[in-house]
Amino acid sequence: MLGYLLLMVSMLLQFQLIWPAEAVLLSHWSEGPASLLFLPHGIKALLIVLVGPIAFLPIALAHLTTDIVIGVDGSRIIFSAVVSSAVMLIPMMMFNYVSQRPLFAGVLGASALRTSRDGL
């Protein structure tokens, strides 16, 4: 629930405050739709790395809700939610692979699994 709320707030800030401010401040910059500061991506990355694939659900729900609130075309809402959530699994799996953790475990989940195995 906390992850969902953090992500919702960051997305609304991004779309309603940061992008308009960047459009004014960087009007000469030719990379129109790109943002120098994209808060939602950082929060999604933290959520997925910390708690693992279970973060897929709050990320998808936050995207669905935000897209509805800001008026995204109906045909793109589901696609946006699924793709933006699924692509976060790849960095998590890479992080786990390099760290020699279970592939689909978050940092918190992997440490809990390791502690429970050591205690047996």
PDB file of N, CA and C in Angstrom:
ATOM      1  N   MET A   1       0.820  -1.195   0.000  1.00  0.00           N
ATOM      2  CA  MET A   1       0.000   0.000   0.000  1.00  0.00           C
ATOM      3  C   MET A   1       0.868   1.265   0.000  1.00  0.00           C
ATOM      4  N   LEU A   2       1.927   1.242   0.811  1.00  0.00           N
ATOM      5  CA  LEU A   2       2.819   2.397   0.875  1.00  0.00           C
ATOM      6  C   LEU A   2       3.517   2.608  -0.464  1.00  0.00           C
ATOM      7  N   GLY A   3       3.948   1.505  -1.090  1.00  0.00           N
ATOM      8  CA  GLY A   3       4.585   1.600  -2.401  1.00  0.00           C
ATOM      9  C   GLY A   3       3.652   2.194  -3.432  1.00  0.00           C
ATOM     10  N   TYR A   4       2.392   1.774  -3.404  1.00  0.00           N
ATOM     11  CA  TYR A   4       1.385   2.307  -4.323  1.00  0.00           C
ATOM     12  C   TYR A   4       1.221   3.808  -4.120  1.00  0.00           C
ATOM     13  N   LEU A   5       1.100   4.235  -2.878  1.00  0.00           N
ATOM     14  CA  LEU A   5       0.902   5.663  -2.595  1.00  0.00           C
ATOM     15  C   LEU A   5       2.120   6.493  -2.994  1.00  0.00           C
ATOM     16  N   LEU A   6       3.328   5.995  -2.682  1.00  0.00           N
ATOM     17  CA  LEU A   6       4.544   6.712  -3.081  1.00  0.00           C
ATOM     18  C   LEU A   6       4.632   6.854  -4.596  1.00  0.00           C
ATOM     19  N   LEU A   7       4.323   5.781  -5.275  1.00  0.00           N
ATOM     20  CA  LEU A   7       4.391   5.806  -6.732  1.00  0.00           C
ATOM     21  C   LEU A   7       3.330   6.724  -7.327  1.00  0.00           C
ATOM     22  N   MET A   8       2.120   6.687  -6.775  1.00  0.00           N
ATOM     23  CA  MET A   8       1.057   7.572  -7.257  1.00  0.00           C
ATOM     24  C   MET A   8       1.440   9.039  -7.084  1.00  0.00           C
ATOM     25  N   VAL A   9       1.934   9.382  -5.919  1.00  0.00           N
ATOM     26  CA  VAL A   9       2.326  10.772  -5.653  1.00  0.00           C
ATOM     27  C   VAL A   9       3.451  11.188  -6.593  1.00  0.00           C
ATOM     28  N   SER A  10       4.449  10.308  -6.774  1.00  0.00           N
ATOM     29  CA  SER A  10       5.569  10.669  -7.649  1.00  0.00           C
ATOM     30  C   SER A  10       5.116  10.832  -9.098  1.00  0.00           C
ATOM     31  N   MET A  11       4.192   9.994  -9.553  1.00  0.00           N
ATOM     32  CA  MET A  11       3.698  10.120 -10.929  1.00  0.00           C
ATOM     33  C   MET A  11       2.897  11.397 -11.112  1.00  0.00           C
ATOM     34  N   LEU A  12       2.047  11.696 -10.165  1.00  0.00           N
ATOM     35  CA  LEU A  12       1.263  12.928 -10.281  1.00  0.00           C
ATOM     36  C   LEU A  12       2.161  14.160 -10.216  1.00  0.00           C
ATOM     37  N   LEU A  13       3.171  14.135  -9.344  1.00  0.00           N
ATOM     38  CA  LEU A  13       4.144  15.235  -9.304  1.00  0.00           C
ATOM     39  C   LEU A  13       4.880  15.353 -10.630  1.00  0.00           C
ATOM     40  N   GLN A  14       5.283  14.215 -11.177  1.00  0.00           N
ATOM     41  CA  GLN A  14       6.019  14.208 -12.436  1.00  0.00           C
ATOM     42  C   GLN A  14       5.189  14.813 -13.566  1.00  0.00           C
ATOM     43  N   PHE A  15       3.968  14.337 -13.706  1.00  0.00           N
ATOM     44  CA  PHE A  15       3.147  14.748 -14.851  1.00  0.00           C
ATOM     45  C   PHE A  15       2.522  16.131 -14.680  1.00  0.00           C
ATOM     46  N   GLN A  16       2.249  16.520 -13.442  1.00  0.00           N
ATOM     47  CA  GLN A  16       1.565  17.787 -13.222  1.00  0.00           C
ATOM     48  C   GLN A  16       2.487  18.941 -12.825  1.00  0.00           C
ATOM     49  N   LEU A  17       3.681  18.647 -12.326  1.00  0.00           N
ATOM     50  CA  LEU A  17       4.560  19.712 -11.848  1.00  0.00           C
ATOM     51  C   LEU A  17       5.927  19.713 -12.533  1.00  0.00           C
ATOM     52  N   ILE A  18       6.604  18.575 -12.524  1.00  0.00           N
ATOM     53  CA  ILE A  18       7.981  18.535 -13.033  1.00  0.00           C
ATOM     54  C   ILE A  18       8.033  18.715 -14.550  1.00  0.00           C
ATOM     55  N   TRP A  19       7.209  17.954 -15.297  1.00  0.00           N
ATOM     56  CA  TRP A  19       7.232  18.107 -16.757  1.00  0.00           C
ATOM     57  C   TRP A  19       6.848  19.511 -17.211  1.00  0.00           C
ATOM     58  N   PRO A  20       5.796  20.121 -16.664  1.00  0.00           N
ATOM     59  CA  PRO A  20       5.512  21.507 -17.075  1.00  0.00           C
ATOM     60  C   PRO A  20       6.644  22.470 -16.715  1.00  0.00           C
ATOM     61  N   ALA A  21       7.267  22.277 -15.558  1.00  0.00           N
ATOM     62  CA  ALA A  21       8.386  23.148 -15.170  1.00  0.00           C
ATOM     63  C   ALA A  21       9.571  22.953 -16.117  1.00  0.00           C
ATOM     64  N   GLU A  22       9.852  21.702 -16.480  1.00  0.00           N
ATOM     65  CA  GLU A  22      10.939  21.453 -17.420  1.00  0.00           C
ATOM     66  C   GLU A  22      10.628  22.031 -18.798  1.00  0.00           C
ATOM     67  N   ALA A  23       9.375  21.981 -19.191  1.00  0.00           N
ATOM     68  CA  ALA A  23       9.000  22.544 -20.490  1.00  0.00           C
ATOM     69  C   ALA A  23       9.277  24.039 -20.541  1.00  0.00           C
ATOM     70  N   VAL A  24       9.046  24.720 -19.432  1.00  0.00           N
ATOM     71  CA  VAL A  24       9.297  26.162 -19.384  1.00  0.00           C
ATOM     72  C   VAL A  24      10.796  26.449 -19.266  1.00  0.00           C
ATOM     73  N   LEU A  25      11.454  25.739 -18.340  1.00  0.00           N
ATOM     74  CA  LEU A  25      12.865  26.008 -18.087  1.00  0.00           C
ATOM     75  C   LEU A  25      13.785  25.527 -19.207  1.00  0.00           C
ATOM     76  N   LEU A  26      13.379  24.470 -19.890  1.00  0.00           N
ATOM     77  CA  LEU A  26      14.219  23.890 -20.938  1.00  0.00           C
ATOM     78  C   LEU A  26      13.550  23.994 -22.302  1.00  0.00           C
ATOM     79  N   SER A  27      12.907  25.110 -22.565  1.00  0.00           N
ATOM     80  CA  SER A  27      12.168  25.266 -23.814  1.00  0.00           C
ATOM     81  C   SER A  27      13.076  25.176 -25.046  1.00  0.00           C
ATOM     82  N   HIS A  28      14.349  25.458 -24.893  1.00  0.00           N
ATOM     83  CA  HIS A  28      15.290  25.385 -26.009  1.00  0.00           C
ATOM     84  C   HIS A  28      15.800  23.967 -26.257  1.00  0.00           C
ATOM     85  N   TRP A  29      15.547  23.055 -25.331  1.00  0.00           N
ATOM     86  CA  TRP A  29      16.044  21.681 -25.422  1.00  0.00           C
ATOM     87  C   TRP A  29      15.213  20.902 -26.425  1.00  0.00           C
ATOM     88  N   SER A  30      15.843  20.211 -27.340  1.00  0.00           N
ATOM     89  CA  SER A  30      15.130  19.552 -28.428  1.00  0.00           C
ATOM     90  C   SER A  30      14.537  18.201 -28.045  1.00  0.00           C
ATOM     91  N   GLU A  31      14.873  17.663 -26.889  1.00  0.00           N
ATOM     92  CA  GLU A  31      14.382  16.354 -26.466  1.00  0.00           C
ATOM     93  C   GLU A  31      13.057  16.509 -25.725  1.00  0.00           C
ATOM     94  N   GLY A  32      12.024  16.941 -26.414  1.00  0.00           N
ATOM     95  CA  GLY A  32      10.736  17.271 -25.835  1.00  0.00           C
ATOM     96  C   GLY A  32      10.167  16.327 -24.800  1.00  0.00           C
ATOM     97  N   PRO A  33       9.886  15.054 -25.124  1.00  0.00           N
ATOM     98  CA  PRO A  33       9.207  14.200 -24.150  1.00  0.00           C
ATOM     99  C   PRO A  33      10.119  13.622 -23.068  1.00  0.00           C
ATOM    100  N   ALA A  34      11.421  13.803 -23.199  1.00  0.00           N
ATOM    101  CA  ALA A  34      12.338  13.256 -22.197  1.00  0.00           C
ATOM    102  C   ALA A  34      12.379  14.170 -20.980  1.00  0.00           C
ATOM    103  N   SER A  35      12.604  13.572 -19.825  1.00  0.00           N
ATOM    104  CA  SER A  35      12.685  14.337 -18.590  1.00  0.00           C
ATOM    105  C   SER A  35      14.053  14.125 -17.959  1.00  0.00           C
ATOM    106  N   LEU A  36      14.619  15.182 -17.405  1.00  0.00           N
ATOM    107  CA  LEU A  36      15.896  15.056 -16.718  1.00  0.00           C
ATOM    108  C   LEU A  36      15.732  14.432 -15.341  1.00  0.00           C
ATOM    109  N   LEU A  37      14.546  14.553 -14.778  1.00  0.00           N
ATOM    110  CA  LEU A  37      14.254  14.024 -13.450  1.00  0.00           C
ATOM    111  C   LEU A  37      12.941  13.252 -13.532  1.00  0.00           C
ATOM    112  N   PHE A  38      13.023  11.925 -13.513  1.00  0.00           N
ATOM    113  CA  PHE A  38      11.811  11.112 -13.603  1.00  0.00           C
ATOM    114  C   PHE A  38      11.670  10.307 -12.316  1.00  0.00           C
ATOM    115  N   LEU A  39      10.989  10.892 -11.341  1.00  0.00           N
ATOM    116  CA  LEU A  39      10.827  10.302 -10.018  1.00  0.00           C
ATOM    117  C   LEU A  39      10.196   8.904 -10.022  1.00  0.00           C
ATOM    118  N   PRO A  40       9.141   8.667 -10.795  1.00  0.00           N
ATOM    119  CA  PRO A  40       8.495   7.355 -10.718  1.00  0.00           C
ATOM    120  C   PRO A  40       9.418   6.184 -11.030  1.00  0.00           C
ATOM    121  N   HIS A  41      10.341   6.361 -11.948  1.00  0.00           N
ATOM    122  CA  HIS A  41      11.226   5.254 -12.294  1.00  0.00           C
ATOM    123  C   HIS A  41      12.113   4.868 -11.110  1.00  0.00           C
ATOM    124  N   GLY A  42      12.626   5.845 -10.412  1.00  0.00           N
ATOM    125  CA  GLY A  42      13.460   5.558  -9.249  1.00  0.00           C
ATOM    126  C   GLY A  42      12.690   4.843  -8.157  1.00  0.00           C
ATOM    127  N   ILE A  43      11.466   5.252  -7.931  1.00  0.00           N
ATOM    128  CA  ILE A  43      10.645   4.608  -6.902  1.00  0.00           C
ATOM    129  C   ILE A  43      10.288   3.190  -7.324  1.00  0.00           C
ATOM    130  N   LYS A  44       9.962   2.998  -8.608  1.00  0.00           N
ATOM    131  CA  LYS A  44       9.677   1.645  -9.086  1.00  0.00           C
ATOM    132  C   LYS A  44      10.897   0.748  -8.920  1.00  0.00           C
ATOM    133  N   ALA A  45      12.071   1.262  -9.235  1.00  0.00           N
ATOM    134  CA  ALA A  45      13.299   0.470  -9.112  1.00  0.00           C
ATOM    135  C   ALA A  45      13.562   0.087  -7.654  1.00  0.00           C
ATOM    136  N   LEU A  46      13.385   1.029  -6.746  1.00  0.00           N
ATOM    137  CA  LEU A  46      13.567   0.722  -5.330  1.00  0.00           C
ATOM    138  C   LEU A  46      12.572  -0.324  -4.842  1.00  0.00           C
ATOM    139  N   LEU A  47      11.326  -0.171  -5.224  1.00  0.00           N
ATOM    140  CA  LEU A  47      10.300  -1.136  -4.805  1.00  0.00           C
ATOM    141  C   LEU A  47      10.614  -2.538  -5.303  1.00  0.00           C
ATOM    142  N   ILE A  48      10.931  -2.655  -6.571  1.00  0.00           N
ATOM    143  CA  ILE A  48      11.143  -3.977  -7.158  1.00  0.00           C
ATOM    144  C   ILE A  48      12.405  -4.631  -6.601  1.00  0.00           C
ATOM    145  N   VAL A  49      13.445  -3.857  -6.338  1.00  0.00           N
ATOM    146  CA  VAL A  49      14.677  -4.430  -5.791  1.00  0.00           C
ATOM    147  C   VAL A  49      14.484  -4.817  -4.324  1.00  0.00           C
ATOM    148  N   LEU A  50      13.770  -4.004  -3.577  1.00  0.00           N
ATOM    149  CA  LEU A  50      13.599  -4.300  -2.156  1.00  0.00           C
ATOM    150  C   LEU A  50      12.654  -5.464  -1.892  1.00  0.00           C
ATOM    151  N   VAL A  51      11.493  -5.471  -2.539  1.00  0.00           N
ATOM    152  CA  VAL A  51      10.503  -6.499  -2.202  1.00  0.00           C
ATOM    153  C   VAL A  51      10.343  -7.574  -3.262  1.00  0.00           C
ATOM    154  N   GLY A  52      10.935  -7.394  -4.436  1.00  0.00           N
ATOM    155  CA  GLY A  52      10.873  -8.417  -5.470  1.00  0.00           C
ATOM    156  C   GLY A  52       9.635  -8.317  -6.346  1.00  0.00           C
ATOM    157  N   PRO A  53       9.276  -9.429  -6.978  1.00  0.00           N
ATOM    158  CA  PRO A  53       8.185  -9.419  -7.952  1.00  0.00           C
ATOM    159  C   PRO A  53       6.827  -9.058  -7.371  1.00  0.00           C
ATOM    160  N   ILE A  54       6.688  -9.110  -6.066  1.00  0.00           N
ATOM    161  CA  ILE A  54       5.414  -8.740  -5.457  1.00  0.00           C
ATOM    162  C   ILE A  54       5.107  -7.256  -5.688  1.00  0.00           C
ATOM    163  N   ALA A  55       6.141  -6.463  -5.988  1.00  0.00           N
ATOM    164  CA  ALA A  55       5.950  -5.038  -6.276  1.00  0.00           C
ATOM    165  C   ALA A  55       5.285  -4.813  -7.633  1.00  0.00           C
ATOM    166  N   PHE A  56       5.207  -5.864  -8.455  1.00  0.00           N
ATOM    167  CA  PHE A  56       4.557  -5.762  -9.768  1.00  0.00           C
ATOM    168  C   PHE A  56       3.127  -5.235  -9.625  1.00  0.00           C
ATOM    169  N   LEU A  57       2.401  -5.731  -8.641  1.00  0.00           N
ATOM    170  CA  LEU A  57       0.999  -5.340  -8.462  1.00  0.00           C
ATOM    171  C   LEU A  57       0.830  -3.860  -8.102  1.00  0.00           C
ATOM    172  N   PRO A  58       1.511  -3.336  -7.070  1.00  0.00           N
ATOM    173  CA  PRO A  58       1.336  -1.903  -6.795  1.00  0.00           C
ATOM    174  C   PRO A  58       1.821  -1.002  -7.922  1.00  0.00           C
ATOM    175  N   ILE A  59       2.865  -1.444  -8.645  1.00  0.00           N
ATOM    176  CA  ILE A  59       3.353  -0.642  -9.767  1.00  0.00           C
ATOM    177  C   ILE A  59       2.299  -0.595 -10.865  1.00  0.00           C
ATOM    178  N   ALA A  60       1.730  -1.740 -11.197  1.00  0.00           N
ATOM    179  CA  ALA A  60       0.690  -1.789 -12.240  1.00  0.00           C
ATOM    180  C   ALA A  60      -0.540  -0.989 -11.819  1.00  0.00           C
ATOM    181  N   LEU A  61      -0.967  -1.130 -10.572  1.00  0.00           N
ATOM    182  CA  LEU A  61      -2.144  -0.384 -10.098  1.00  0.00           C
ATOM    183  C   LEU A  61      -1.898   1.120 -10.099  1.00  0.00           C
ATOM    184  N   ALA A  62      -0.699   1.534  -9.712  1.00  0.00           N
ATOM    185  CA  ALA A  62      -0.381   2.964  -9.727  1.00  0.00           C
ATOM    186  C   ALA A  62      -0.403   3.505 -11.149  1.00  0.00           C
ATOM    187  N   HIS A  63       0.115   2.730 -12.099  1.00  0.00           N
ATOM    188  CA  HIS A  63       0.074   3.161 -13.498  1.00  0.00           C
ATOM    189  C   HIS A  63      -1.365   3.244 -14.001  1.00  0.00           C
ATOM    190  N   LEU A  64      -2.166   2.247 -13.685  1.00  0.00           N
ATOM    191  CA  LEU A  64      -3.572   2.273 -14.105  1.00  0.00           C
ATOM    192  C   LEU A  64      -4.278   3.502 -13.560  1.00  0.00           C
ATOM    193  N   THR A  65      -4.138   3.725 -12.268  1.00  0.00           N
ATOM    194  CA  THR A  65      -4.813   4.852 -11.622  1.00  0.00           C
ATOM    195  C   THR A  65      -4.340   6.184 -12.176  1.00  0.00           C
ATOM    196  N   THR A  66      -3.030   6.343 -12.293  1.00  0.00           N
ATOM    197  CA  THR A  66      -2.484   7.603 -12.788  1.00  0.00           C
ATOM    198  C   THR A  66      -2.911   7.859 -14.224  1.00  0.00           C
ATOM    199  N   ASP A  67      -2.853   6.830 -15.060  1.00  0.00           N
ATOM    200  CA  ASP A  67      -3.255   7.001 -16.461  1.00  0.00           C
ATOM    201  C   ASP A  67      -4.720   7.401 -16.575  1.00  0.00           C
ATOM    202  N   ILE A  68      -5.555   6.857 -15.723  1.00  0.00           N
ATOM    203  CA  ILE A  68      -6.975   7.236 -15.729  1.00  0.00           C
ATOM    204  C   ILE A  68      -7.130   8.682 -15.281  1.00  0.00           C
ATOM    205  N   VAL A  69      -6.424   9.057 -14.204  1.00  0.00           N
ATOM    206  CA  VAL A  69      -6.530  10.416 -13.662  1.00  0.00           C
ATOM    207  C   VAL A  69      -6.054  11.468 -14.658  1.00  0.00           C
ATOM    208  N   ILE A  70      -4.941  11.206 -15.355  1.00  0.00           N
ATOM    209  CA  ILE A  70      -4.408  12.221 -16.268  1.00  0.00           C
ATOM    210  C   ILE A  70      -5.021  12.134 -17.660  1.00  0.00           C
ATOM    211  N   GLY A  71      -5.895  11.157 -17.883  1.00  0.00           N
ATOM    212  CA  GLY A  71      -6.626  11.103 -19.141  1.00  0.00           C
ATOM    213  C   GLY A  71      -5.918  10.427 -20.294  1.00  0.00           C
ATOM    214  N   VAL A  72      -5.139   9.402 -20.019  1.00  0.00           N
ATOM    215  CA  VAL A  72      -4.480   8.650 -21.085  1.00  0.00           C
ATOM    216  C   VAL A  72      -5.543   7.897 -21.883  1.00  0.00           C
ATOM    217  N   ASP A  73      -5.308   7.753 -23.180  1.00  0.00           N
ATOM    218  CA  ASP A  73      -6.221   7.041 -24.065  1.00  0.00           C
ATOM    219  C   ASP A  73      -6.495   5.637 -23.525  1.00  0.00           C
ATOM    220  N   GLY A  74      -7.738   5.223 -23.551  1.00  0.00           N
ATOM    221  CA  GLY A  74      -8.164   3.948 -22.986  1.00  0.00           C
ATOM    222  C   GLY A  74      -7.434   2.737 -23.529  1.00  0.00           C
ATOM    223  N   SER A  75      -7.059   2.771 -24.788  1.00  0.00           N
ATOM    224  CA  SER A  75      -6.379   1.618 -25.383  1.00  0.00           C
ATOM    225  C   SER A  75      -4.943   1.466 -24.880  1.00  0.00           C
ATOM    226  N   ARG A  76      -4.372   2.508 -24.317  1.00  0.00           N
ATOM    227  CA  ARG A  76      -2.987   2.464 -23.833  1.00  0.00           C
ATOM    228  C   ARG A  76      -2.874   2.181 -22.343  1.00  0.00           C
ATOM    229  N   ILE A  77      -3.959   2.272 -21.613  1.00  0.00           N
ATOM    230  CA  ILE A  77      -3.891   2.175 -20.152  1.00  0.00           C
ATOM    231  C   ILE A  77      -3.374   0.810 -19.696  1.00  0.00           C
ATOM    232  N   ILE A  78      -3.979  -0.264 -20.164  1.00  0.00           N
ATOM    233  CA  ILE A  78      -3.564  -1.610 -19.746  1.00  0.00           C
ATOM    234  C   ILE A  78      -2.142  -1.903 -20.231  1.00  0.00           C
ATOM    235  N   PHE A  79      -1.855  -1.562 -21.479  1.00  0.00           N
ATOM    236  CA  PHE A  79      -0.516  -1.794 -22.036  1.00  0.00           C
ATOM    237  C   PHE A  79       0.537  -1.077 -21.205  1.00  0.00           C
ATOM    238  N   SER A  80       0.284   0.167 -20.868  1.00  0.00           N
ATOM    239  CA  SER A  80       1.220   0.961 -20.076  1.00  0.00           C
ATOM    240  C   SER A  80       1.458   0.331 -18.711  1.00  0.00           C
ATOM    241  N   ALA A  81       0.406  -0.104 -18.063  1.00  0.00           N
ATOM    242  CA  ALA A  81       0.537  -0.680 -16.722  1.00  0.00           C
ATOM    243  C   ALA A  81       1.332  -1.985 -16.748  1.00  0.00           C
ATOM    244  N   VAL A  82       1.027  -2.850 -17.700  1.00  0.00           N
ATOM    245  CA  VAL A  82       1.699  -4.151 -17.757  1.00  0.00           C
ATOM    246  C   VAL A  82       3.164  -4.005 -18.170  1.00  0.00           C
ATOM    247  N   VAL A  83       3.411  -3.253 -19.216  1.00  0.00           N
ATOM    248  CA  VAL A  83       4.786  -3.120 -19.717  1.00  0.00           C
ATOM    249  C   VAL A  83       5.673  -2.380 -18.723  1.00  0.00           C
ATOM    250  N   SER A  84       5.181  -1.289 -18.163  1.00  0.00           N
ATOM    251  CA  SER A  84       6.009  -0.518 -17.235  1.00  0.00           C
ATOM    252  C   SER A  84       6.290  -1.291 -15.953  1.00  0.00           C
ATOM    253  N   SER A  85       5.442  -2.247 -15.629  1.00  0.00           N
ATOM    254  CA  SER A  85       5.701  -3.087 -14.462  1.00  0.00           C
ATOM    255  C   SER A  85       6.628  -4.237 -14.809  1.00  0.00           C
ATOM    256  N   ALA A  86       6.408  -4.842 -15.956  1.00  0.00           N
ATOM    257  CA  ALA A  86       7.200  -6.007 -16.360  1.00  0.00           C
ATOM    258  C   ALA A  86       8.665  -5.648 -16.612  1.00  0.00           C
ATOM    259  N   VAL A  87       8.911  -4.485 -17.194  1.00  0.00           N
ATOM    260  CA  VAL A  87      10.305  -4.129 -17.484  1.00  0.00           C
ATOM    261  C   VAL A  87      11.117  -3.890 -16.219  1.00  0.00           C
ATOM    262  N   MET A  88      10.469  -3.699 -15.103  1.00  0.00           N
ATOM    263  CA  MET A  88      11.198  -3.523 -13.847  1.00  0.00           C
ATOM    264  C   MET A  88      11.723  -4.848 -13.314  1.00  0.00           C
ATOM    265  N   LEU A  89      11.181  -5.960 -13.787  1.00  0.00           N
ATOM    266  CA  LEU A  89      11.659  -7.266 -13.339  1.00  0.00           C
ATOM    267  C   LEU A  89      13.064  -7.572 -13.863  1.00  0.00           C
ATOM    268  N   ILE A  90      13.394  -7.067 -15.032  1.00  0.00           N
ATOM    269  CA  ILE A  90      14.702  -7.360 -15.639  1.00  0.00           C
ATOM    270  C   ILE A  90      15.857  -6.827 -14.781  1.00  0.00           C
ATOM    271  N   PRO A  91      15.839  -5.556 -14.362  1.00  0.00           N
ATOM    272  CA  PRO A  91      16.934  -5.097 -13.500  1.00  0.00           C
ATOM    273  C   PRO A  91      16.999  -5.848 -12.173  1.00  0.00           C
ATOM    274  N   MET A  92      15.820  -6.211 -11.621  1.00  0.00           N
ATOM    275  CA  MET A  92      15.806  -6.959 -10.377  1.00  0.00           C
ATOM    276  C   MET A  92      16.482  -8.317 -10.561  1.00  0.00           C
ATOM    277  N   MET A  93      16.165  -8.997 -11.650  1.00  0.00           N
ATOM    278  CA  MET A  93      16.757 -10.300 -11.912  1.00  0.00           C
ATOM    279  C   MET A  93      18.268 -10.174 -12.155  1.00  0.00           C
ATOM    280  N   MET A  94      18.685  -9.114 -12.838  1.00  0.00           N
ATOM    281  CA  MET A  94      20.120  -8.892 -13.065  1.00  0.00           C
ATOM    282  C   MET A  94      20.831  -8.631 -11.739  1.00  0.00           C
ATOM    283  N   PHE A  95      20.230  -7.828 -10.899  1.00  0.00           N
ATOM    284  CA  PHE A  95      20.792  -7.540  -9.578  1.00  0.00           C
ATOM    285  C   PHE A  95      20.921  -8.825  -8.766  1.00  0.00           C
ATOM    286  N   ASN A  96      19.888  -9.636  -8.774  1.00  0.00           N
ATOM    287  CA  ASN A  96      19.917 -10.898  -8.032  1.00  0.00           C
ATOM    288  C   ASN A  96      20.956 -11.856  -8.597  1.00  0.00           C
ATOM    289  N   TYR A  97      21.073 -11.912  -9.898  1.00  0.00           N
ATOM    290  CA  TYR A  97      22.055 -12.793 -10.528  1.00  0.00           C
ATOM    291  C   TYR A  97      23.479 -12.407 -10.121  1.00  0.00           C
ATOM    292  N   VAL A  98      23.776 -11.114 -10.208  1.00  0.00           N
ATOM    293  CA  VAL A  98      25.111 -10.629  -9.859  1.00  0.00           C
ATOM    294  C   VAL A  98      25.379 -10.822  -8.364  1.00  0.00           C
ATOM    295  N   SER A  99      24.346 -10.662  -7.546  1.00  0.00           N
ATOM    296  CA  SER A  99      24.498 -10.801  -6.097  1.00  0.00           C
ATOM    297  C   SER A  99      24.383 -12.240  -5.620  1.00  0.00           C
ATOM    298  N   GLN A 100      24.163 -13.172  -6.540  1.00  0.00           N
ATOM    299  CA  GLN A 100      23.998 -14.592  -6.238  1.00  0.00           C
ATOM    300  C   GLN A 100      22.860 -14.838  -5.250  1.00  0.00           C
ATOM    301  N   ARG A 101      21.748 -14.182  -5.515  1.00  0.00           N
ATOM    302  CA  ARG A 101      20.521 -14.358  -4.733  1.00  0.00           C
ATOM    303  C   ARG A 101      19.534 -15.149  -5.571  1.00  0.00           C
ATOM    304  N   PRO A 102      18.470 -15.637  -4.938  1.00  0.00           N
ATOM    305  CA  PRO A 102      17.413 -16.265  -5.746  1.00  0.00           C
ATOM    306  C   PRO A 102      16.903 -15.259  -6.785  1.00  0.00           C
ATOM    307  N   LEU A 103      16.693 -15.717  -7.999  1.00  0.00           N
ATOM    308  CA  LEU A 103      16.415 -14.832  -9.126  1.00  0.00           C
ATOM    309  C   LEU A 103      15.207 -13.925  -8.910  1.00  0.00           C
ATOM    310  N   PHE A 104      14.133 -14.431  -8.313  1.00  0.00           N
ATOM    311  CA  PHE A 104      12.919 -13.641  -8.145  1.00  0.00           C
ATOM    312  C   PHE A 104      12.698 -13.184  -6.708  1.00  0.00           C
ATOM    313  N   ALA A 105      13.759 -12.981  -5.952  1.00  0.00           N
ATOM    314  CA  ALA A 105      13.631 -12.511  -4.574  1.00  0.00           C
ATOM    315  C   ALA A 105      14.080 -11.061  -4.488  1.00  0.00           C
ATOM    316  N   GLY A 106      13.382 -10.288  -3.687  1.00  0.00           N
ATOM    317  CA  GLY A 106      13.832  -8.934  -3.408  1.00  0.00           C
ATOM    318  C   GLY A 106      14.950  -8.981  -2.385  1.00  0.00           C
ATOM    319  N   VAL A 107      15.599  -7.868  -2.171  1.00  0.00           N
ATOM    320  CA  VAL A 107      16.692  -7.815  -1.207  1.00  0.00           C
ATOM    321  C   VAL A 107      16.182  -8.199   0.181  1.00  0.00           C
ATOM    322  N   LEU A 108      15.032  -7.677   0.559  1.00  0.00           N
ATOM    323  CA  LEU A 108      14.484  -8.010   1.874  1.00  0.00           C
ATOM    324  C   LEU A 108      14.072  -9.474   1.942  1.00  0.00           C
ATOM    325  N   GLY A 109      13.468  -9.995   0.883  1.00  0.00           N
ATOM    326  CA  GLY A 109      13.050 -11.391   0.853  1.00  0.00           C
ATOM    327  C   GLY A 109      14.224 -12.347   0.854  1.00  0.00           C
ATOM    328  N   ALA A 110      15.283 -12.028   0.148  1.00  0.00           N
ATOM    329  CA  ALA A 110      16.458 -12.905   0.073  1.00  0.00           C
ATOM    330  C   ALA A 110      17.159 -12.977   1.422  1.00  0.00           C
ATOM    331  N   SER A 111      17.248 -11.867   2.122  1.00  0.00           N
ATOM    332  CA  SER A 111      17.905 -11.894   3.426  1.00  0.00           C
ATOM    333  C   SER A 111      17.061 -12.658   4.430  1.00  0.00           C
ATOM    334  N   ALA A 112      15.737 -12.561   4.317  1.00  0.00           N
ATOM    335  CA  ALA A 112      14.866 -13.313   5.205  1.00  0.00           C
ATOM    336  C   ALA A 112      14.990 -14.808   4.926  1.00  0.00           C
ATOM    337  N   LEU A 113      15.088 -15.192   3.651  1.00  0.00           N
ATOM    338  CA  LEU A 113      15.257 -16.604   3.303  1.00  0.00           C
ATOM    339  C   LEU A 113      16.584 -17.138   3.822  1.00  0.00           C
ATOM    340  N   ARG A 114      17.638 -16.357   3.678  1.00  0.00           N
ATOM    341  CA  ARG A 114      18.963 -16.784   4.114  1.00  0.00           C
ATOM    342  C   ARG A 114      18.990 -16.941   5.628  1.00  0.00           C
ATOM    343  N   THR A 115      18.351 -16.022   6.370  1.00  0.00           N
ATOM    344  CA  THR A 115      18.321 -16.083   7.826  1.00  0.00           C
ATOM    345  C   THR A 115      17.551 -17.305   8.297  1.00  0.00           C
ATOM    346  N   SER A 116      16.430 -17.608   7.647  1.00  0.00           N
ATOM    347  CA  SER A 116      15.636 -18.747   8.069  1.00  0.00           C
ATOM    348  C   SER A 116      16.369 -20.059   7.776  1.00  0.00           C
ATOM    349  N   ARG A 117      17.120 -20.143   6.689  1.00  0.00           N
ATOM    350  CA  ARG A 117      17.874 -21.349   6.364  1.00  0.00           C
ATOM    351  C   ARG A 117      19.037 -21.537   7.334  1.00  0.00           C
ATOM    352  N   ASP A 118      19.673 -20.433   7.723  1.00  0.00           N
ATOM    353  CA  ASP A 118      20.810 -20.520   8.648  1.00  0.00           C
ATOM    354  C   ASP A 118      20.359 -20.940  10.046  1.00  0.00           C
ATOM    355  N   GLY A 119      19.138 -20.581  10.406  1.00  0.00           N
ATOM    356  CA  GLY A 119      18.621 -20.908  11.729  1.00  0.00           C
ATOM    357  C   GLY A 119      18.202 -22.347  11.870  1.00  0.00           C
ATOM    358  N   LEU A 120      17.997 -23.072  10.764  1.00  0.00           N
ATOM    359  CA  LEU A 120      17.539 -24.456  10.834  1.00  0.00           C
ATOM    360  C   LEU A 120      18.630 -25.405  11.174  1.00  0.00           C
TER     361      LEU A 120
END
